[in-house]
Amino acid sequence: MKKMIIFDPAMCCSTGVCGPSIDTELLRVATVLNSLKKHGMSIERYNLTSNPQMFVDNKIINELLNSEGIDILPVTIVDGKVIKTKAYLTNKEFCEALEVPETYLKTTIEIKKKQCCCKDGCC
């Protein structure tokens, strides 16, 4: 199984739902990662604000930050190889990088219809 690590820029949270407006890109990424983890994928995600030591300890990200600066973030690494910088992977790129089908990203919500309690089915 492939191992993915995502290094986020400094931010208050990675969900995209905090602050004055919703960041739809962060929300998409959080949803995708949640779906992939439910399928057993090995994914780690570190935020520069919350996990600065991980940026120091990881040789790859440390070297990138020293040579390129923080504008290189976000950075996605799979099995020790940088696969994308300065932007998050698209849904298709997530699937290709982890070699999983796109169905892993689909969520199913079952909505049960309320049964009518009227004799003539009016409700």
C-alpha atoms as a PDB file:
ATOM      1  CA  MET A   1       0.000   0.000   0.000  1.00  0.00           C
ATOM      2  CA  LYS A   2       1.232   3.459  -0.856  1.00  0.00           C
ATOM      3  CA  LYS A   3       1.864   6.056   1.842  1.00  0.00           C
ATOM      4  CA  MET A   4       0.863   9.677   1.270  1.00  0.00           C
ATOM      5  CA  ILE A   5       1.986  12.683   3.308  1.00  0.00           C
ATOM      6  CA  ILE A   6       0.539  16.147   2.771  1.00  0.00           C
ATOM      7  CA  PHE A   7       2.290  19.208   4.167  1.00  0.00           C
ATOM      8  CA  ASP A   8      -0.130  22.127   4.436  1.00  0.00           C
ATOM      9  CA  PRO A   9       0.745  25.801   4.731  1.00  0.00           C
ATOM     10  CA  ALA A  10       0.138  27.579   8.031  1.00  0.00           C
ATOM     11  CA  MET A  11      -3.588  27.737   8.739  1.00  0.00           C
ATOM     12  CA  CYS A  12      -5.908  27.461  11.697  1.00  0.00           C
ATOM     13  CA  CYS A  13      -7.379  24.115  10.561  1.00  0.00           C
ATOM     14  CA  SER A  14      -7.362  21.789   7.572  1.00  0.00           C
ATOM     15  CA  THR A  15     -11.119  21.399   7.184  1.00  0.00           C
ATOM     16  CA  GLY A  16     -11.828  24.695   5.448  1.00  0.00           C
ATOM     17  CA  VAL A  17     -14.869  25.450   7.578  1.00  0.00           C
ATOM     18  CA  CYS A  18     -13.346  27.915  10.015  1.00  0.00           C
ATOM     19  CA  GLY A  19     -12.947  31.630   9.479  1.00  0.00           C
ATOM     20  CA  PRO A  20     -15.290  34.106   7.838  1.00  0.00           C
ATOM     21  CA  SER A  21     -15.963  31.966   4.752  1.00  0.00           C
ATOM     22  CA  ILE A  22     -15.746  28.314   3.787  1.00  0.00           C
ATOM     23  CA  ASP A  23     -12.691  27.327   1.755  1.00  0.00           C
ATOM     24  CA  THR A  24     -14.218  24.870  -0.708  1.00  0.00           C
ATOM     25  CA  GLU A  25     -10.835  23.498  -1.792  1.00  0.00           C
ATOM     26  CA  LEU A  26      -9.846  22.598   1.775  1.00  0.00           C
ATOM     27  CA  LEU A  27     -13.281  21.122   2.349  1.00  0.00           C
ATOM     28  CA  ARG A  28     -12.912  18.989  -0.796  1.00  0.00           C
ATOM     29  CA  VAL A  29      -9.474  17.755   0.256  1.00  0.00           C
ATOM     30  CA  ALA A  30     -10.660  16.934   3.792  1.00  0.00           C
ATOM     31  CA  THR A  31     -13.617  14.989   2.364  1.00  0.00           C
ATOM     32  CA  VAL A  32     -11.426  13.091  -0.113  1.00  0.00           C
ATOM     33  CA  LEU A  33      -8.895  12.194   2.573  1.00  0.00           C
ATOM     34  CA  ASN A  34     -11.639  11.028   4.907  1.00  0.00           C
ATOM     35  CA  SER A  35     -13.059   8.772   2.173  1.00  0.00           C
ATOM     36  CA  LEU A  36      -9.631   7.358   1.331  1.00  0.00           C
ATOM     37  CA  LYS A  37      -8.835   6.664   4.989  1.00  0.00           C
ATOM     38  CA  LYS A  38     -12.154   4.814   5.337  1.00  0.00           C
ATOM     39  CA  HIS A  39     -10.867   2.519   2.597  1.00  0.00           C
ATOM     40  CA  GLY A  40      -7.667   1.860   4.547  1.00  0.00           C
ATOM     41  CA  MET A  41      -5.312   4.227   2.746  1.00  0.00           C
ATOM     42  CA  SER A  42      -2.238   5.402   4.660  1.00  0.00           C
ATOM     43  CA  ILE A  43      -2.386   9.201   4.642  1.00  0.00           C
ATOM     44  CA  GLU A  44      -0.720  11.668   6.986  1.00  0.00           C
ATOM     45  CA  ARG A  45      -1.383  15.393   6.926  1.00  0.00           C
ATOM     46  CA  TYR A  46       0.616  18.077   8.683  1.00  0.00           C
ATOM     47  CA  ASN A  47      -0.141  21.756   9.115  1.00  0.00           C
ATOM     48  CA  LEU A  48       2.775  24.176   9.498  1.00  0.00           C
ATOM     49  CA  THR A  49       0.982  25.923  12.377  1.00  0.00           C
ATOM     50  CA  SER A  50       0.028  22.787  14.314  1.00  0.00           C
ATOM     51  CA  ASN A  51       2.910  20.456  13.439  1.00  0.00           C
ATOM     52  CA  PRO A  52       6.027  22.564  12.770  1.00  0.00           C
ATOM     53  CA  GLN A  53       8.363  19.843  14.029  1.00  0.00           C
ATOM     54  CA  MET A  54       7.233  17.493  11.237  1.00  0.00           C
ATOM     55  CA  PHE A  55       8.462  20.079   8.711  1.00  0.00           C
ATOM     56  CA  VAL A  56      11.849  20.063  10.438  1.00  0.00           C
ATOM     57  CA  ASP A  57      12.058  16.289  10.861  1.00  0.00           C
ATOM     58  CA  ASN A  58      11.079  15.331   7.312  1.00  0.00           C
ATOM     59  CA  LYS A  59      14.204  15.730   5.199  1.00  0.00           C
ATOM     60  CA  ILE A  60      12.327  16.158   1.909  1.00  0.00           C
ATOM     61  CA  ILE A  61      10.030  18.958   3.066  1.00  0.00           C
ATOM     62  CA  ASN A  62      12.809  20.592   5.070  1.00  0.00           C
ATOM     63  CA  GLU A  63      15.043  20.821   1.988  1.00  0.00           C
ATOM     64  CA  LEU A  64      12.164  22.114  -0.156  1.00  0.00           C
ATOM     65  CA  LEU A  65      11.302  24.831   2.353  1.00  0.00           C
ATOM     66  CA  ASN A  66      14.945  25.878   2.646  1.00  0.00           C
ATOM     67  CA  SER A  67      15.389  26.113  -1.120  1.00  0.00           C
ATOM     68  CA  GLU A  68      11.922  27.291  -2.257  1.00  0.00           C
ATOM     69  CA  GLY A  69      10.351  28.922   0.813  1.00  0.00           C
ATOM     70  CA  ILE A  70       6.847  28.480   2.176  1.00  0.00           C
ATOM     71  CA  ASP A  71       5.255  29.337  -1.169  1.00  0.00           C
ATOM     72  CA  ILE A  72       6.000  25.720  -2.171  1.00  0.00           C
ATOM     73  CA  LEU A  73       3.185  24.561   0.167  1.00  0.00           C
ATOM     74  CA  PRO A  74       1.050  22.526   0.014  1.00  0.00           C
ATOM     75  CA  VAL A  75       3.341  19.626  -0.856  1.00  0.00           C
ATOM     76  CA  THR A  76       2.170  16.070  -1.458  1.00  0.00           C
ATOM     77  CA  ILE A  77       4.622  13.199  -1.075  1.00  0.00           C
ATOM     78  CA  VAL A  78       3.879   9.568  -1.973  1.00  0.00           C
ATOM     79  CA  ASP A  79       6.301   6.844  -0.929  1.00  0.00           C
ATOM     80  CA  GLY A  80       9.062   9.380  -0.352  1.00  0.00           C
ATOM     81  CA  LYS A  81       8.664  11.167  -3.700  1.00  0.00           C
ATOM     82  CA  VAL A  82       7.256  14.668  -4.173  1.00  0.00           C
ATOM     83  CA  ILE A  83       4.368  14.408  -6.623  1.00  0.00           C
ATOM     84  CA  LYS A  84       2.850  17.896  -6.409  1.00  0.00           C
ATOM     85  CA  THR A  85       3.700  21.302  -4.977  1.00  0.00           C
ATOM     86  CA  LYS A  86       1.883  24.639  -4.617  1.00  0.00           C
ATOM     87  CA  ALA A  87      -1.583  23.051  -4.968  1.00  0.00           C
ATOM     88  CA  TYR A  88      -3.602  20.116  -3.719  1.00  0.00           C
ATOM     89  CA  LEU A  89      -4.116  17.036  -5.860  1.00  0.00           C
ATOM     90  CA  THR A  90      -7.303  16.810  -7.870  1.00  0.00           C
ATOM     91  CA  ASN A  91      -9.642  13.925  -7.073  1.00  0.00           C
ATOM     92  CA  LYS A  92      -8.327  12.069 -10.117  1.00  0.00           C
ATOM     93  CA  GLU A  93      -4.705  12.702  -9.064  1.00  0.00           C
ATOM     94  CA  PHE A  94      -5.433  11.348  -5.565  1.00  0.00           C
ATOM     95  CA  CYS A  95      -6.722   8.119  -7.091  1.00  0.00           C
ATOM     96  CA  GLU A  96      -3.845   7.827  -9.559  1.00  0.00           C
ATOM     97  CA  ALA A  97      -1.203   8.519  -6.888  1.00  0.00           C
ATOM     98  CA  LEU A  98      -2.626   5.891  -4.527  1.00  0.00           C
ATOM     99  CA  GLU A  99      -3.596   3.505  -7.341  1.00  0.00           C
ATOM    100  CA  VAL A 100      -7.211   3.238  -6.227  1.00  0.00           C
ATOM    101  CA  PRO A 101     -10.480   3.480  -8.163  1.00  0.00           C
ATOM    102  CA  GLU A 102     -12.412   6.732  -8.187  1.00  0.00           C
ATOM    103  CA  THR A 103     -15.289   4.903  -6.503  1.00  0.00           C
ATOM    104  CA  TYR A 104     -13.258   5.211  -3.272  1.00  0.00           C
ATOM    105  CA  LEU A 105     -14.155   8.909  -3.292  1.00  0.00           C
ATOM    106  CA  LYS A 106     -17.864   8.445  -3.757  1.00  0.00           C
ATOM    107  CA  THR A 107     -19.981   8.751  -0.665  1.00  0.00           C
ATOM    108  CA  THR A 108     -23.401   7.248  -0.402  1.00  0.00           C
ATOM    109  CA  ILE A 109     -26.049   8.711   1.792  1.00  0.00           C
ATOM    110  CA  GLU A 110     -29.225   6.775   2.119  1.00  0.00           C
ATOM    111  CA  ILE A 111     -32.306   8.916   2.615  1.00  0.00           C
ATOM    112  CA  LYS A 112     -35.264   6.975   3.854  1.00  0.00           C
ATOM    113  CA  LYS A 113     -38.627   8.213   2.738  1.00  0.00           C
ATOM    114  CA  LYS A 114     -41.204   8.676   5.415  1.00  0.00           C
ATOM    115  CA  GLN A 115     -44.100   6.334   4.957  1.00  0.00           C
ATOM    116  CA  CYS A 116     -47.433   7.985   4.570  1.00  0.00           C
ATOM    117  CA  CYS A 117     -49.791   7.612   7.482  1.00  0.00           C
ATOM    118  CA  CYS A 118     -52.873   8.786   5.618  1.00  0.00           C
ATOM    119  CA  LYS A 119     -55.386   6.399   4.070  1.00  0.00           C
ATOM    120  CA  ASP A 120     -55.225   8.079   0.679  1.00  0.00           C
ATOM    121  CA  GLY A 121     -51.449   8.753   0.642  1.00  0.00           C
ATOM    122  CA  CYS A 122     -51.719  12.527   0.759  1.00  0.00           C
ATOM    123  CA  CYS A 123     -48.598  13.269   2.765  1.00  0.00           C
END
